[in-house]
């Protein structure tokens, strides 16, 4: 699903590329475009050499909106003790 590009008519912002290839997005653009920590940027160059950047929101986990969940069996209320204490009748989880 292609999104319509957001055209910014504000004053041009300029940043510098670090020696490690990192760029800081100016705070005014982060606020205006609602870019938060964890979001990703998808970079693309067209045939004319025009760079475009798409914001890929990653705030709530990769599968948060997944409605195609596979059934795992059981009622979801089961618990398992991977430390091997399930069979020990003297073991309690209350510590």
N, C-alpha and C. Protein backbone atom coordinates (compact mmCIF):
# COMPACT_ATOMS: atom_id res chain seq x y z
N UNK A 1 0.85 -1.17 0.00
CA UNK A 1 0.00 0.00 0.00
C UNK A 1 0.90 1.23 0.00
N UNK A 2 0.88 1.99 -1.07
CA UNK A 2 1.72 3.17 -1.19
C UNK A 2 1.06 4.35 -0.48
N UNK A 3 1.85 5.08 0.24
CA UNK A 3 1.35 6.25 0.94
C UNK A 3 1.68 7.49 0.13
N UNK A 4 0.84 8.49 0.30
CA UNK A 4 1.11 9.77 -0.36
C UNK A 4 2.29 10.44 0.33
N UNK A 5 3.21 11.02 -0.44
CA UNK A 5 4.36 11.69 0.19
C UNK A 5 3.92 12.94 0.94
N UNK A 6 4.61 13.22 2.02
CA UNK A 6 4.37 14.45 2.79
C UNK A 6 5.35 15.49 2.27
N UNK A 7 4.83 16.57 1.75
CA UNK A 7 5.69 17.62 1.23
C UNK A 7 5.84 18.69 2.31
N UNK A 8 7.07 18.96 2.66
CA UNK A 8 7.35 19.96 3.69
C UNK A 8 7.64 21.29 3.03
N UNK A 9 6.86 22.29 3.36
CA UNK A 9 7.06 23.60 2.77
C UNK A 9 7.78 24.54 3.72
N UNK A 10 8.28 24.01 4.82
CA UNK A 10 9.00 24.83 5.78
C UNK A 10 10.40 25.11 5.27
N UNK A 11 11.14 25.88 6.01
CA UNK A 11 12.52 26.19 5.68
C UNK A 11 13.32 24.89 5.59
N UNK A 12 14.28 24.85 4.72
CA UNK A 12 15.11 23.67 4.53
C UNK A 12 15.97 23.43 5.76
N UNK A 13 16.01 22.17 6.17
CA UNK A 13 16.86 21.76 7.29
C UNK A 13 18.08 21.07 6.71
N UNK A 14 19.21 21.24 7.34
CA UNK A 14 20.44 20.61 6.87
C UNK A 14 21.13 19.91 8.02
N UNK A 15 21.57 18.68 7.77
CA UNK A 15 22.31 17.93 8.77
C UNK A 15 23.57 17.38 8.14
N UNK A 16 24.46 16.90 8.96
CA UNK A 16 25.76 16.42 8.51
C UNK A 16 25.83 14.90 8.72
N UNK A 17 26.40 14.19 7.76
CA UNK A 17 26.59 12.76 7.88
C UNK A 17 27.87 12.53 8.67
N UNK A 18 27.79 11.69 9.71
CA UNK A 18 28.98 11.41 10.53
C UNK A 18 29.91 10.46 9.79
N UNK A 19 31.09 10.26 10.35
CA UNK A 19 32.05 9.34 9.73
C UNK A 19 31.56 7.90 9.77
N UNK A 20 30.56 7.61 10.58
CA UNK A 20 29.96 6.27 10.64
C UNK A 20 28.69 6.18 9.79
N UNK A 21 28.38 7.23 9.02
CA UNK A 21 27.22 7.23 8.15
C UNK A 21 25.92 7.57 8.84
N UNK A 22 26.00 8.10 10.05
CA UNK A 22 24.79 8.42 10.81
C UNK A 22 24.36 9.86 10.56
N UNK A 23 23.04 10.08 10.58
CA UNK A 23 22.47 11.40 10.38
C UNK A 23 21.45 11.65 11.48
N UNK A 24 21.43 12.84 12.04
CA UNK A 24 20.44 13.21 13.03
C UNK A 24 19.27 13.88 12.33
N UNK A 25 18.06 13.41 12.61
CA UNK A 25 16.87 14.05 12.06
C UNK A 25 16.56 15.25 12.96
N UNK A 26 16.47 16.43 12.40
CA UNK A 26 16.19 17.61 13.23
C UNK A 26 14.92 17.44 14.06
N UNK A 27 14.95 17.94 15.29
CA UNK A 27 13.83 17.79 16.21
C UNK A 27 12.53 18.33 15.64
N UNK A 28 12.60 19.44 14.91
CA UNK A 28 11.38 20.02 14.34
C UNK A 28 10.73 19.06 13.34
N UNK A 29 11.54 18.35 12.57
CA UNK A 29 10.99 17.36 11.62
C UNK A 29 10.47 16.13 12.35
N UNK A 30 11.18 15.69 13.40
CA UNK A 30 10.71 14.53 14.17
C UNK A 30 9.34 14.81 14.78
N UNK A 31 9.17 16.02 15.32
CA UNK A 31 7.88 16.39 15.91
C UNK A 31 6.80 16.48 14.84
N UNK A 32 7.10 17.16 13.74
CA UNK A 32 6.10 17.38 12.69
C UNK A 32 5.68 16.07 12.03
N UNK A 33 6.61 15.14 11.86
CA UNK A 33 6.31 13.87 11.21
C UNK A 33 6.01 12.75 12.20
N UNK A 34 6.01 13.08 13.49
CA UNK A 34 5.72 12.11 14.56
C UNK A 34 6.66 10.91 14.49
N UNK A 35 7.95 11.18 14.35
CA UNK A 35 8.96 10.13 14.33
C UNK A 35 9.44 9.93 15.76
N UNK A 36 9.36 8.68 16.23
CA UNK A 36 9.77 8.36 17.59
C UNK A 36 10.85 7.29 17.60
N UNK A 37 11.50 7.14 18.74
CA UNK A 37 12.51 6.11 18.90
C UNK A 37 11.92 4.76 18.55
N UNK A 38 12.65 3.97 17.79
CA UNK A 38 12.19 2.65 17.37
C UNK A 38 11.60 2.65 15.97
N UNK A 39 11.13 3.81 15.49
CA UNK A 39 10.63 3.88 14.12
C UNK A 39 11.80 3.66 13.16
N UNK A 40 11.49 3.15 11.98
CA UNK A 40 12.53 2.92 10.98
C UNK A 40 12.30 3.85 9.80
N UNK A 41 13.36 4.11 9.06
CA UNK A 41 13.27 4.90 7.84
C UNK A 41 13.62 4.01 6.67
N UNK A 42 12.78 4.03 5.64
CA UNK A 42 13.03 3.25 4.43
C UNK A 42 13.45 4.23 3.34
N UNK A 43 14.66 4.05 2.82
CA UNK A 43 15.27 4.95 1.85
C UNK A 43 15.07 4.41 0.44
N UNK A 44 14.79 5.30 -0.53
CA UNK A 44 14.62 4.90 -1.92
C UNK A 44 15.11 6.01 -2.83
N UNK A 45 15.67 5.61 -3.96
CA UNK A 45 16.13 6.56 -4.98
C UNK A 45 15.43 6.20 -6.28
N UNK A 46 14.80 7.18 -6.93
CA UNK A 46 14.14 6.89 -8.20
C UNK A 46 15.12 7.04 -9.36
N UNK A 47 14.61 6.86 -10.59
CA UNK A 47 15.46 6.90 -11.79
C UNK A 47 16.17 8.24 -11.98
N UNK A 48 15.54 9.32 -11.50
CA UNK A 48 16.15 10.65 -11.64
C UNK A 48 17.15 10.96 -10.53
N UNK A 49 17.27 10.06 -9.56
CA UNK A 49 18.20 10.27 -8.46
C UNK A 49 17.60 11.01 -7.28
N UNK A 50 16.27 11.14 -7.27
CA UNK A 50 15.59 11.81 -6.16
C UNK A 50 15.46 10.85 -5.00
N UNK A 51 15.91 11.28 -3.84
CA UNK A 51 15.86 10.48 -2.62
C UNK A 51 14.52 10.67 -1.94
N UNK A 52 13.89 9.57 -1.54
CA UNK A 52 12.68 9.66 -0.72
C UNK A 52 12.88 8.78 0.50
N UNK A 53 12.23 9.18 1.58
CA UNK A 53 12.34 8.46 2.85
C UNK A 53 10.93 8.19 3.35
N UNK A 54 10.64 6.91 3.66
CA UNK A 54 9.35 6.53 4.21
C UNK A 54 9.53 6.18 5.69
N UNK A 55 8.62 6.64 6.52
CA UNK A 55 8.65 6.33 7.95
C UNK A 55 7.91 5.02 8.16
N UNK A 56 8.58 4.06 8.80
CA UNK A 56 7.98 2.78 9.11
C UNK A 56 7.84 2.73 10.62
N UNK A 57 6.63 2.88 11.10
CA UNK A 57 6.38 2.95 12.54
C UNK A 57 6.60 1.59 13.19
N UNK A 58 7.38 1.56 14.27
CA UNK A 58 7.72 0.32 14.97
C UNK A 58 7.51 0.49 16.47
N UNK A 59 6.44 1.10 16.88
CA UNK A 59 6.28 1.45 18.29
C UNK A 59 5.69 0.35 19.14
N UNK A 60 4.87 -0.50 18.57
CA UNK A 60 4.12 -1.42 19.39
C UNK A 60 4.51 -2.87 19.16
N UNK A 61 5.62 -3.11 18.54
CA UNK A 61 6.05 -4.48 18.26
C UNK A 61 5.69 -4.87 16.85
N UNK A 62 6.46 -5.73 16.30
CA UNK A 62 6.30 -6.11 14.90
C UNK A 62 4.99 -6.83 14.63
N UNK A 63 4.42 -7.55 15.60
CA UNK A 63 3.25 -8.36 15.35
C UNK A 63 2.02 -7.89 16.12
N UNK A 64 2.04 -6.69 16.62
CA UNK A 64 0.94 -6.17 17.43
C UNK A 64 -0.38 -6.17 16.67
N UNK A 65 -0.36 -5.81 15.39
CA UNK A 65 -1.61 -5.73 14.63
C UNK A 65 -1.86 -6.97 13.79
N UNK A 66 -1.17 -8.06 14.09
CA UNK A 66 -1.32 -9.30 13.34
C UNK A 66 -2.60 -10.00 13.75
N UNK A 67 -3.57 -10.06 12.82
CA UNK A 67 -4.81 -10.75 13.14
C UNK A 67 -4.84 -12.16 12.56
N UNK A 68 -3.70 -12.63 12.07
CA UNK A 68 -3.60 -13.97 11.51
C UNK A 68 -2.85 -14.89 12.45
N UNK A 69 -3.17 -14.82 13.71
CA UNK A 69 -2.47 -15.61 14.72
C UNK A 69 -2.79 -17.10 14.57
N UNK A 70 -1.77 -17.92 14.62
CA UNK A 70 -1.95 -19.37 14.50
C UNK A 70 -2.37 -19.93 15.85
N UNK A 71 -3.32 -20.87 15.85
CA UNK A 71 -3.72 -21.49 17.12
C UNK A 71 -2.56 -22.29 17.69
N UNK A 72 -2.33 -22.14 18.98
CA UNK A 72 -1.21 -22.82 19.64
C UNK A 72 -1.70 -23.98 20.50
N UNK A 73 -3.01 -24.21 20.57
CA UNK A 73 -3.55 -25.28 21.39
C UNK A 73 -3.69 -24.86 22.83
N UNK A 74 -4.52 -25.55 23.57
CA UNK A 74 -4.71 -25.21 24.98
C UNK A 74 -5.54 -23.96 25.13
N UNK A 75 -5.72 -23.54 26.38
CA UNK A 75 -6.54 -22.37 26.65
C UNK A 75 -5.71 -21.11 26.91
N UNK A 76 -4.40 -21.22 26.79
CA UNK A 76 -3.53 -20.07 27.02
C UNK A 76 -3.26 -19.80 28.47
N UNK A 77 -3.81 -20.61 29.36
CA UNK A 77 -3.62 -20.40 30.79
C UNK A 77 -2.57 -21.34 31.38
N UNK A 78 -2.04 -22.22 30.56
CA UNK A 78 -1.05 -23.17 31.03
C UNK A 78 0.28 -22.46 31.28
N UNK A 79 1.00 -22.94 32.28
CA UNK A 79 2.35 -22.43 32.53
C UNK A 79 3.31 -23.60 32.55
N UNK A 80 4.53 -23.33 32.24
CA UNK A 80 5.55 -24.37 32.23
C UNK A 80 6.79 -23.86 32.94
N UNK A 81 7.38 -24.70 33.73
CA UNK A 81 8.59 -24.36 34.47
C UNK A 81 9.77 -24.95 33.71
N UNK A 82 10.47 -24.10 32.97
CA UNK A 82 11.59 -24.58 32.18
C UNK A 82 12.84 -24.83 33.01
N UNK A 83 12.80 -24.50 34.30
CA UNK A 83 13.95 -24.76 35.17
C UNK A 83 13.95 -26.19 35.68
N UNK A 84 12.89 -26.95 35.40
CA UNK A 84 12.83 -28.34 35.80
C UNK A 84 12.24 -28.57 37.17
N UNK A 85 11.57 -27.57 37.73
CA UNK A 85 11.02 -27.70 39.07
C UNK A 85 9.57 -28.16 39.10
N UNK A 86 8.96 -28.43 37.94
CA UNK A 86 7.56 -28.84 37.91
C UNK A 86 7.30 -30.11 38.70
N UNK A 87 8.25 -31.03 38.67
CA UNK A 87 8.06 -32.33 39.31
C UNK A 87 8.42 -32.31 40.79
N UNK A 88 9.02 -31.23 41.30
CA UNK A 88 9.46 -31.15 42.70
C UNK A 88 8.29 -30.67 43.56
N UNK A 89 7.70 -31.53 44.39
CA UNK A 89 6.53 -31.12 45.19
C UNK A 89 6.87 -30.10 46.27
N UNK A 90 8.13 -29.93 46.63
CA UNK A 90 8.49 -28.95 47.66
C UNK A 90 8.75 -27.56 47.08
N UNK A 91 8.83 -27.47 45.76
CA UNK A 91 9.14 -26.19 45.13
C UNK A 91 7.89 -25.31 45.06
N UNK A 92 8.02 -24.03 45.44
CA UNK A 92 6.95 -23.06 45.26
C UNK A 92 7.53 -21.85 44.55
N UNK A 93 6.69 -21.17 43.78
CA UNK A 93 7.16 -19.98 43.07
C UNK A 93 7.13 -18.75 43.97
N UNK A 94 6.53 -18.87 45.15
CA UNK A 94 6.48 -17.75 46.08
C UNK A 94 7.80 -17.67 46.84
N UNK A 95 8.56 -16.65 46.51
CA UNK A 95 9.86 -16.52 47.17
C UNK A 95 9.95 -15.22 47.93
